[in-house]
PDB file of N, CA and C in Angstrom:
ATOM      1  N   MET A   1      -0.801  30.564  16.602  1.00  0.00           N
ATOM      2  CA  MET A   1      -1.596  30.671  15.209  1.00  0.00           C
ATOM      3  C   MET A   1      -2.706  29.686  15.060  1.00  0.00           C
ATOM      4  N   ASN A   2      -3.765  30.206  14.724  1.00  0.00           N
ATOM      5  CA  ASN A   2      -4.878  29.249  14.566  1.00  0.00           C
ATOM      6  C   ASN A   2      -5.302  29.118  13.216  1.00  0.00           C
ATOM      7  N   GLN A   3      -4.837  28.147  12.530  1.00  0.00           N
ATOM      8  CA  GLN A   3      -5.017  27.833  11.114  1.00  0.00           C
ATOM      9  C   GLN A   3      -5.344  26.367  10.961  1.00  0.00           C
ATOM     10  N   LEU A   4      -6.334  25.932  10.209  1.00  0.00           N
ATOM     11  CA  LEU A   4      -6.544  24.583  10.023  1.00  0.00           C
ATOM     12  C   LEU A   4      -6.682  24.415   8.384  1.00  0.00           C
ATOM     13  N   VAL A   5      -5.957  23.222   7.875  1.00  0.00           N
ATOM     14  CA  VAL A   5      -6.217  22.876   6.600  1.00  0.00           C
ATOM     15  C   VAL A   5      -6.833  21.431   6.739  1.00  0.00           C
ATOM     16  N   LEU A   6      -7.851  21.249   6.090  1.00  0.00           N
ATOM     17  CA  LEU A   6      -8.489  19.841   6.209  1.00  0.00           C
ATOM     18  C   LEU A   6      -8.932  19.363   4.799  1.00  0.00           C
ATOM     19  N   SER A   7      -8.654  18.309   4.520  1.00  0.00           N
ATOM     20  CA  SER A   7      -9.395  17.562   3.278  1.00  0.00           C
ATOM     21  C   SER A   7     -10.476  16.893   3.831  1.00  0.00           C
ATOM     22  N   ALA A   8     -11.556  17.245   3.249  1.00  0.00           N
ATOM     23  CA  ALA A   8     -13.032  16.703   3.826  1.00  0.00           C
ATOM     24  C   ALA A   8     -14.080  16.599   2.750  1.00  0.00           C
ATOM     25  N   GLN A   9     -15.113  15.916   3.047  1.00  0.00           N
ATOM     26  CA  GLN A   9     -16.244  15.734   2.293  1.00  0.00           C
ATOM     27  C   GLN A   9     -17.224  16.636   2.805  1.00  0.00           C
ATOM     28  N   LEU A  10     -18.177  17.206   1.942  1.00  0.00           N
ATOM     29  CA  LEU A  10     -19.204  17.873   2.335  1.00  0.00           C
ATOM     30  C   LEU A  10     -20.374  17.056   2.688  1.00  0.00           C
ATOM     31  N   LEU A  11     -20.713  17.001   3.881  1.00  0.00           N
ATOM     32  CA  LEU A  11     -21.717  15.908   4.483  1.00  0.00           C
ATOM     33  C   LEU A  11     -23.062  16.608   4.430  1.00  0.00           C
ATOM     34  N   GLU A  12     -23.203  17.822   4.874  1.00  0.00           N
ATOM     35  CA  GLU A  12     -24.424  18.532   5.034  1.00  0.00           C
ATOM     36  C   GLU A  12     -24.289  20.051   4.659  1.00  0.00           C
ATOM     37  N   ARG A  13     -25.199  20.652   4.005  1.00  0.00           N
ATOM     38  CA  ARG A  13     -25.103  22.172   3.725  1.00  0.00           C
ATOM     39  C   ARG A  13     -26.537  22.690   4.003  1.00  0.00           C
ATOM     40  N   GLY A  14     -26.503  23.723   4.797  1.00  0.00           N
ATOM     41  CA  GLY A  14     -27.774  24.489   5.195  1.00  0.00           C
ATOM     42  C   GLY A  14     -27.992  25.535   3.986  1.00  0.00           C
ATOM     43  N   ALA A  15     -29.253  26.140   4.179  1.00  0.00           N
ATOM     44  CA  ALA A  15     -29.501  27.162   3.192  1.00  0.00           C
ATOM     45  C   ALA A  15     -28.739  28.320   3.375  1.00  0.00           C
ATOM     46  N   VAL A  16     -28.585  29.206   2.329  1.00  0.00           N
ATOM     47  CA  VAL A  16     -27.928  30.513   2.501  1.00  0.00           C
ATOM     48  C   VAL A  16     -28.671  31.486   3.259  1.00  0.00           C
ATOM     49  N   ARG A  17     -28.116  32.008   4.230  1.00  0.00           N
ATOM     50  CA  ARG A  17     -28.703  33.072   4.932  1.00  0.00           C
ATOM     51  C   ARG A  17     -27.708  34.380   4.938  1.00  0.00           C
ATOM     52  N   TYR A  18     -28.174  35.543   5.550  1.00  0.00           N
ATOM     53  CA  TYR A  18     -27.578  36.574   5.493  1.00  0.00           C
ATOM     54  C   TYR A  18     -27.231  37.175   6.760  1.00  0.00           C
ATOM     55  N   THR A  19     -26.090  37.959   6.875  1.00  0.00           N
ATOM     56  CA  THR A  19     -25.789  38.626   8.159  1.00  0.00           C
ATOM     57  C   THR A  19     -26.483  39.965   8.106  1.00  0.00           C
ATOM     58  N   PRO A  20     -26.538  40.712   9.155  1.00  0.00           N
ATOM     59  CA  PRO A  20     -27.137  42.022   9.255  1.00  0.00           C
ATOM     60  C   PRO A  20     -26.580  42.926   8.257  1.00  0.00           C
ATOM     61  N   ALA A  21     -25.202  42.645   7.882  1.00  0.00           N
ATOM     62  CA  ALA A  21     -24.436  43.502   6.863  1.00  0.00           C
ATOM     63  C   ALA A  21     -24.782  42.947   5.529  1.00  0.00           C
ATOM     64  N   GLY A  22     -25.480  42.005   5.352  1.00  0.00           N
ATOM     65  CA  GLY A  22     -25.985  41.484   3.954  1.00  0.00           C
ATOM     66  C   GLY A  22     -24.929  40.505   3.411  1.00  0.00           C
ATOM     67  N   LEU A  23     -23.924  39.956   4.096  1.00  0.00           N
ATOM     68  CA  LEU A  23     -23.119  38.900   3.712  1.00  0.00           C
ATOM     69  C   LEU A  23     -23.682  37.656   3.701  1.00  0.00           C
ATOM     70  N   PRO A  24     -23.564  36.757   2.703  1.00  0.00           N
ATOM     71  CA  PRO A  24     -24.088  35.343   2.615  1.00  0.00           C
ATOM     72  C   PRO A  24     -23.299  34.580   3.644  1.00  0.00           C
ATOM     73  N   VAL A  25     -24.121  33.615   4.315  1.00  0.00           N
ATOM     74  CA  VAL A  25     -23.549  32.652   5.229  1.00  0.00           C
ATOM     75  C   VAL A  25     -24.135  31.323   4.958  1.00  0.00           C
ATOM     76  N   ILE A  26     -23.225  30.210   5.035  1.00  0.00           N
ATOM     77  CA  ILE A  26     -23.728  28.857   4.871  1.00  0.00           C
ATOM     78  C   ILE A  26     -23.187  28.118   5.899  1.00  0.00           C
ATOM     79  N   ASP A  27     -23.974  27.438   6.722  1.00  0.00           N
ATOM     80  CA  ASP A  27     -23.539  26.564   7.737  1.00  0.00           C
ATOM     81  C   ASP A  27     -23.500  25.101   7.085  1.00  0.00           C
ATOM     82  N   MET A  28     -22.486  24.264   7.472  1.00  0.00           N
ATOM     83  CA  MET A  28     -22.411  22.966   6.856  1.00  0.00           C
ATOM     84  C   MET A  28     -21.723  22.017   7.853  1.00  0.00           C
ATOM     85  N   CYS A  29     -21.647  20.864   7.392  1.00  0.00           N
ATOM     86  CA  CYS A  29     -21.011  19.662   8.160  1.00  0.00           C
ATOM     87  C   CYS A  29     -19.980  19.151   7.336  1.00  0.00           C
ATOM     88  N   LEU A  30     -18.851  18.965   7.830  1.00  0.00           N
ATOM     89  CA  LEU A  30     -17.823  18.228   6.883  1.00  0.00           C
ATOM     90  C   LEU A  30     -17.382  16.961   7.624  1.00  0.00           C
ATOM     91  N   LYS A  31     -17.010  15.836   6.713  1.00  0.00           N
ATOM     92  CA  LYS A  31     -16.449  14.762   7.194  1.00  0.00           C
ATOM     93  C   LYS A  31     -15.109  14.447   6.811  1.00  0.00           C
ATOM     94  N   HIS A  32     -14.072  14.163   7.727  1.00  0.00           N
ATOM     95  CA  HIS A  32     -12.725  13.729   7.346  1.00  0.00           C
ATOM     96  C   HIS A  32     -12.595  12.355   7.741  1.00  0.00           C
ATOM     97  N   GLU A  33     -11.689  11.661   6.921  1.00  0.00           N
ATOM     98  CA  GLU A  33     -11.345  10.366   7.138  1.00  0.00           C
ATOM     99  C   GLU A  33      -9.811  10.147   6.674  1.00  0.00           C
ATOM    100  N   SER A  34      -8.901   9.651   7.468  1.00  0.00           N
ATOM    101  CA  SER A  34      -7.590   9.419   7.048  1.00  0.00           C
ATOM    102  C   SER A  34      -6.934   8.454   7.914  1.00  0.00           C
ATOM    103  N   GLN A  35      -5.717   8.203   7.519  1.00  0.00           N
ATOM    104  CA  GLN A  35      -4.739   7.300   8.468  1.00  0.00           C
ATOM    105  C   GLN A  35      -3.495   8.190   8.622  1.00  0.00           C
ATOM    106  N   VAL A  36      -3.239   8.457   9.907  1.00  0.00           N
ATOM    107  CA  VAL A  36      -2.072   9.156  10.342  1.00  0.00           C
ATOM    108  C   VAL A  36      -1.094   8.428  11.322  1.00  0.00           C
ATOM    109  N   GLN A  37       0.074   8.753  11.527  1.00  0.00           N
ATOM    110  CA  GLN A  37       0.932   8.198  12.459  1.00  0.00           C
ATOM    111  C   GLN A  37       0.986   8.997  13.764  1.00  0.00           C
ATOM    112  N   GLU A  38       1.007   8.110  14.744  1.00  0.00           N
ATOM    113  CA  GLU A  38       0.839   8.763  16.260  1.00  0.00           C
ATOM    114  C   GLU A  38       1.704   7.764  16.870  1.00  0.00           C
ATOM    115  N   ALA A  39       2.728   8.328  17.472  1.00  0.00           N
ATOM    116  CA  ALA A  39       3.863   7.554  18.451  1.00  0.00           C
ATOM    117  C   ALA A  39       4.331   6.410  17.666  1.00  0.00           C
ATOM    118  N   GLY A  40       4.626   6.772  16.229  1.00  0.00           N
ATOM    119  CA  GLY A  40       5.030   5.461  15.518  1.00  0.00           C
ATOM    120  C   GLY A  40       4.134   4.407  15.203  1.00  0.00           C
ATOM    121  N   THR A  41       2.795   4.605  15.424  1.00  0.00           N
ATOM    122  CA  THR A  41       1.817   3.724  15.138  1.00  0.00           C
ATOM    123  C   THR A  41       0.740   4.311  14.327  1.00  0.00           C
ATOM    124  N   PRO A  42       0.267   3.523  13.254  1.00  0.00           N
ATOM    125  CA  PRO A  42      -0.699   4.079  12.387  1.00  0.00           C
ATOM    126  C   PRO A  42      -2.077   4.008  13.090  1.00  0.00           C
ATOM    127  N   ARG A  43      -2.836   5.161  12.858  1.00  0.00           N
ATOM    128  CA  ARG A  43      -4.051   5.384  13.371  1.00  0.00           C
ATOM    129  C   ARG A  43      -5.235   5.968  12.437  1.00  0.00           C
ATOM    130  N   LYS A  44      -6.209   5.256  12.469  1.00  0.00           N
ATOM    131  CA  LYS A  44      -7.451   5.741  11.564  1.00  0.00           C
ATOM    132  C   LYS A  44      -8.134   6.962  12.319  1.00  0.00           C
ATOM    133  N   VAL A  45      -8.358   7.948  11.641  1.00  0.00           N
ATOM    134  CA  VAL A  45      -8.957   9.115  12.051  1.00  0.00           C
ATOM    135  C   VAL A  45     -10.203   9.444  11.307  1.00  0.00           C
ATOM    136  N   SER A  46     -11.354   9.538  11.915  1.00  0.00           N
ATOM    137  CA  SER A  46     -12.651   9.777  11.276  1.00  0.00           C
ATOM    138  C   SER A  46     -13.371  10.877  12.140  1.00  0.00           C
ATOM    139  N   MET A  47     -13.760  11.849  11.588  1.00  0.00           N
ATOM    140  CA  MET A  47     -14.596  12.937  12.437  1.00  0.00           C
ATOM    141  C   MET A  47     -15.532  13.641  11.561  1.00  0.00           C
ATOM    142  N   GLU A  48     -16.477  14.286  12.124  1.00  0.00           N
ATOM    143  CA  GLU A  48     -17.493  15.188  11.648  1.00  0.00           C
ATOM    144  C   GLU A  48     -17.220  16.611  12.301  1.00  0.00           C
ATOM    145  N   LEU A  49     -17.183  17.613  11.443  1.00  0.00           N
ATOM    146  CA  LEU A  49     -17.002  18.856  12.080  1.00  0.00           C
ATOM    147  C   LEU A  49     -18.039  19.995  11.503  1.00  0.00           C
ATOM    148  N   LYS A  50     -18.589  20.737  12.505  1.00  0.00           N
ATOM    149  CA  LYS A  50     -19.411  21.751  11.868  1.00  0.00           C
ATOM    150  C   LYS A  50     -18.565  22.999  11.404  1.00  0.00           C
ATOM    151  N   ALA A  51     -18.958  23.568  10.459  1.00  0.00           N
ATOM    152  CA  ALA A  51     -18.161  24.601   9.589  1.00  0.00           C
ATOM    153  C   ALA A  51     -19.192  25.665   9.026  1.00  0.00           C
ATOM    154  N   VAL A  52     -18.616  26.791   8.885  1.00  0.00           N
ATOM    155  CA  VAL A  52     -19.387  27.969   8.272  1.00  0.00           C
ATOM    156  C   VAL A  52     -18.537  28.657   7.343  1.00  0.00           C
ATOM    157  N   VAL A  53     -19.132  29.227   6.343  1.00  0.00           N
ATOM    158  CA  VAL A  53     -18.256  30.035   5.423  1.00  0.00           C
ATOM    159  C   VAL A  53     -19.156  31.353   5.130  1.00  0.00           C
ATOM    160  N   ILE A  54     -18.607  32.402   5.207  1.00  0.00           N
ATOM    161  CA  ILE A  54     -19.078  33.844   5.104  1.00  0.00           C
ATOM    162  C   ILE A  54     -18.508  34.574   3.958  1.00  0.00           C
ATOM    163  N   GLY A  55     -19.364  35.335   3.370  1.00  0.00           N
ATOM    164  CA  GLY A  55     -19.047  36.167   2.063  1.00  0.00           C
ATOM    165  C   GLY A  55     -18.886  35.381   0.766  1.00  0.00           C
ATOM    166  N   GLY A  56     -18.162  35.956  -0.290  1.00  0.00           N
ATOM    167  CA  GLY A  56     -18.029  35.610  -1.457  1.00  0.00           C
ATOM    168  C   GLY A  56     -17.801  34.011  -1.724  1.00  0.00           C
ATOM    169  N   LEU A  57     -17.042  33.499  -0.793  1.00  0.00           N
ATOM    170  CA  LEU A  57     -16.717  32.032  -1.081  1.00  0.00           C
ATOM    171  C   LEU A  57     -17.754  31.143  -0.792  1.00  0.00           C
ATOM    172  N   SER A  58     -18.999  31.648  -0.201  1.00  0.00           N
ATOM    173  CA  SER A  58     -20.337  30.999  -0.225  1.00  0.00           C
ATOM    174  C   SER A  58     -20.720  30.403  -1.524  1.00  0.00           C
ATOM    175  N   GLN A  59     -20.384  31.187  -2.710  1.00  0.00           N
ATOM    176  CA  GLN A  59     -20.998  30.649  -4.045  1.00  0.00           C
ATOM    177  C   GLN A  59     -20.170  29.471  -4.342  1.00  0.00           C
ATOM    178  N   ARG A  60     -18.859  29.381  -4.093  1.00  0.00           N
ATOM    179  CA  ARG A  60     -18.049  28.103  -4.356  1.00  0.00           C
ATOM    180  C   ARG A  60     -18.461  27.014  -3.599  1.00  0.00           C
ATOM    181  N   VAL A  61     -18.760  27.213  -2.283  1.00  0.00           N
ATOM    182  CA  VAL A  61     -19.363  26.227  -1.603  1.00  0.00           C
ATOM    183  C   VAL A  61     -20.791  25.505  -1.958  1.00  0.00           C
ATOM    184  N   SER A  62     -21.572  26.609  -2.410  1.00  0.00           N
ATOM    185  CA  SER A  62     -22.850  26.140  -2.971  1.00  0.00           C
ATOM    186  C   SER A  62     -22.740  25.203  -4.015  1.00  0.00           C
ATOM    187  N   ALA A  63     -21.693  25.507  -4.885  1.00  0.00           N
ATOM    188  CA  ALA A  63     -21.381  24.650  -6.137  1.00  0.00           C
ATOM    189  C   ALA A  63     -20.936  23.181  -5.748  1.00  0.00           C
ATOM    190  N   LEU A  64     -20.512  22.851  -4.705  1.00  0.00           N
ATOM    191  CA  LEU A  64     -20.023  21.662  -4.052  1.00  0.00           C
ATOM    192  C   LEU A  64     -21.343  20.725  -4.008  1.00  0.00           C
ATOM    193  N   GLY A  65     -21.077  19.510  -4.465  1.00  0.00           N
ATOM    194  CA  GLY A  65     -22.196  18.582  -4.383  1.00  0.00           C
ATOM    195  C   GLY A  65     -21.976  17.667  -2.794  1.00  0.00           C
ATOM    196  N   ILE A  66     -23.133  17.350  -2.423  1.00  0.00           N
ATOM    197  CA  ILE A  66     -23.065  16.448  -0.989  1.00  0.00           C
ATOM    198  C   ILE A  66     -22.207  15.390  -1.380  1.00  0.00           C
ATOM    199  N   GLY A  67     -21.139  15.121  -0.368  1.00  0.00           N
ATOM    200  CA  GLY A  67     -20.209  14.098  -0.709  1.00  0.00           C
ATOM    201  C   GLY A  67     -19.087  14.416  -1.475  1.00  0.00           C
ATOM    202  N   GLU A  68     -18.897  15.398  -2.064  1.00  0.00           N
ATOM    203  CA  GLU A  68     -17.853  15.949  -2.821  1.00  0.00           C
ATOM    204  C   GLU A  68     -16.741  16.303  -1.935  1.00  0.00           C
ATOM    205  N   SER A  69     -15.549  16.004  -2.275  1.00  0.00           N
ATOM    206  CA  SER A  69     -14.323  16.367  -1.420  1.00  0.00           C
ATOM    207  C   SER A  69     -13.702  17.599  -1.993  1.00  0.00           C
ATOM    208  N   ALA A  70     -13.066  18.362  -0.893  1.00  0.00           N
ATOM    209  CA  ALA A  70     -12.198  19.534  -1.369  1.00  0.00           C
ATOM    210  C   ALA A  70     -11.260  19.609  -0.072  1.00  0.00           C
ATOM    211  N   CYS A  71     -10.454  20.542  -0.230  1.00  0.00           N
ATOM    212  CA  CYS A  71      -9.365  21.070   0.793  1.00  0.00           C
ATOM    213  C   CYS A  71      -9.882  22.351   1.205  1.00  0.00           C
ATOM    214  N   PHE A  72     -10.142  22.408   2.642  1.00  0.00           N
ATOM    215  CA  PHE A  72     -10.773  23.577   3.204  1.00  0.00           C
ATOM    216  C   PHE A  72      -9.702  24.260   3.964  1.00  0.00           C
ATOM    217  N   THR A  73      -9.506  25.660   4.092  1.00  0.00           N
ATOM    218  CA  THR A  73      -8.589  26.259   4.892  1.00  0.00           C
ATOM    219  C   THR A  73      -9.248  27.208   5.654  1.00  0.00           C
ATOM    220  N   GLY A  74      -8.981  27.422   7.038  1.00  0.00           N
ATOM    221  CA  GLY A  74      -9.547  28.343   7.859  1.00  0.00           C
ATOM    222  C   GLY A  74      -9.180  28.458   9.235  1.00  0.00           C
ATOM    223  N   PHE A  75      -9.923  28.802  10.255  1.00  0.00           N
ATOM    224  CA  PHE A  75      -9.626  28.761  11.423  1.00  0.00           C
ATOM    225  C   PHE A  75     -10.839  28.241  12.454  1.00  0.00           C
ATOM    226  N   LEU A  76     -10.279  27.818  13.712  1.00  0.00           N
ATOM    227  CA  LEU A  76     -11.343  27.433  14.668  1.00  0.00           C
ATOM    228  C   LEU A  76     -11.785  28.313  15.475  1.00  0.00           C
ATOM    229  N   ALA A  77     -13.142  28.328  15.949  1.00  0.00           N
ATOM    230  CA  ALA A  77     -13.698  29.434  16.845  1.00  0.00           C
ATOM    231  C   ALA A  77     -14.632  28.710  17.669  1.00  0.00           C
ATOM    232  N   ALA A  78     -14.993  29.130  18.833  1.00  0.00           N
ATOM    233  CA  ALA A  78     -16.102  28.542  19.826  1.00  0.00           C
ATOM    234  C   ALA A  78     -17.306  28.984  19.019  1.00  0.00           C
ATOM    235  N   GLN A  79     -18.447  28.032  19.085  1.00  0.00           N
ATOM    236  CA  GLN A  79     -19.729  28.480  18.778  1.00  0.00           C
ATOM    237  C   GLN A  79     -20.401  29.592  19.625  1.00  0.00           C
ATOM    238  N   ARG A  80     -21.372  30.090  19.170  1.00  0.00           N
ATOM    239  CA  ARG A  80     -21.887  31.337  20.031  1.00  0.00           C
ATOM    240  C   ARG A  80     -22.236  31.068  21.221  1.00  0.00           C
ATOM    241  N   ASN A  81     -22.813  29.828  21.447  1.00  0.00           N
ATOM    242  CA  ASN A  81     -23.276  29.544  22.967  1.00  0.00           C
ATOM    243  C   ASN A  81     -22.116  28.842  23.740  1.00  0.00           C
ATOM    244  N   GLY A  82     -20.941  28.849  23.184  1.00  0.00           N
ATOM    245  CA  GLY A  82     -19.652  28.424  23.912  1.00  0.00           C
ATOM    246  C   GLY A  82     -19.722  27.029  23.972  1.00  0.00           C
ATOM    247  N   ARG A  83     -20.459  26.367  23.393  1.00  0.00           N
ATOM    248  CA  ARG A  83     -20.434  24.667  23.451  1.00  0.00           C
ATOM    249  C   ARG A  83     -20.132  24.269  22.038  1.00  0.00           C
ATOM    250  N   GLY A  84     -18.890  23.822  21.965  1.00  0.00           N
ATOM    251  CA  GLY A  84     -18.433  23.154  20.710  1.00  0.00           C
ATOM    252  C   GLY A  84     -17.568  24.122  19.911  1.00  0.00           C
ATOM    253  N   THR A  85     -17.085  23.787  18.804  1.00  0.00           N
ATOM    254  CA  THR A  85     -16.149  24.363  18.002  1.00  0.00           C
ATOM    255  C   THR A  85     -16.680  24.341  16.505  1.00  0.00           C
ATOM    256  N   VAL A  86     -16.438  25.588  15.979  1.00  0.00           N
ATOM    257  CA  VAL A  86     -16.918  25.805  14.547  1.00  0.00           C
ATOM    258  C   VAL A  86     -15.627  26.097  13.629  1.00  0.00           C
ATOM    259  N   PHE A  87     -15.555  25.427  12.371  1.00  0.00           N
ATOM    260  CA  PHE A  87     -14.420  25.729  11.541  1.00  0.00           C
ATOM    261  C   PHE A  87     -15.017  26.789  10.495  1.00  0.00           C
ATOM    262  N   HIS A  88     -14.302  27.947  10.673  1.00  0.00           N
ATOM    263  CA  HIS A  88     -14.544  29.125   9.805  1.00  0.00           C
ATOM    264  C   HIS A  88     -13.736  28.936   8.530  1.00  0.00           C
ATOM    265  N   ILE A  89     -14.393  28.691   7.403  1.00  0.00           N
ATOM    266  CA  ILE A  89     -13.500  28.487   6.136  1.00  0.00           C
ATOM    267  C   ILE A  89     -13.271  29.705   5.445  1.00  0.00           C
ATOM    268  N   THR A  90     -12.025  30.017   4.962  1.00  0.00           N
ATOM    269  CA  THR A  90     -11.580  31.205   4.412  1.00  0.00           C
ATOM    270  C   THR A  90     -10.947  30.787   3.133  1.00  0.00           C
ATOM    271  N   ALA A  91     -10.723  29.509   2.628  1.00  0.00           N
ATOM    272  CA  ALA A  91     -10.255  29.265   1.483  1.00  0.00           C
ATOM    273  C   ALA A  91     -10.817  27.922   0.949  1.00  0.00           C
ATOM    274  N   LEU A  92     -10.782  27.594  -0.360  1.00  0.00           N
ATOM    275  CA  LEU A  92     -11.145  26.379  -0.770  1.00  0.00           C
ATOM    276  C   LEU A  92     -10.343  26.060  -1.989  1.00  0.00           C
ATOM    277  N   ASP A  93      -9.882  24.731  -2.049  1.00  0.00           N
ATOM    278  CA  ASP A  93      -9.198  24.339  -3.162  1.00  0.00           C
ATOM    279  C   ASP A  93      -9.648  22.943  -3.580  1.00  0.00           C
TER     280      ASP A  93
END
């Protein structure tokens, strides 16, 4: 199963663009910071992740302010050029 649920801040948001089928697309960068347990030891986690939202959910993402936090749900996929990973957002809480 390929599912990711991530609490993160909106770090950057690109302009709305459209697919050939006319669906709105927004590219963005998310930042996550937390503390987790690994092998019984607390560990600080901090990362930035490229993300994209396609379709009707793009309106809700457009309403988020830079620095605003939300819970994003979706899946991971390779970038078109095969270098790196993109978080495809399918739900927003």
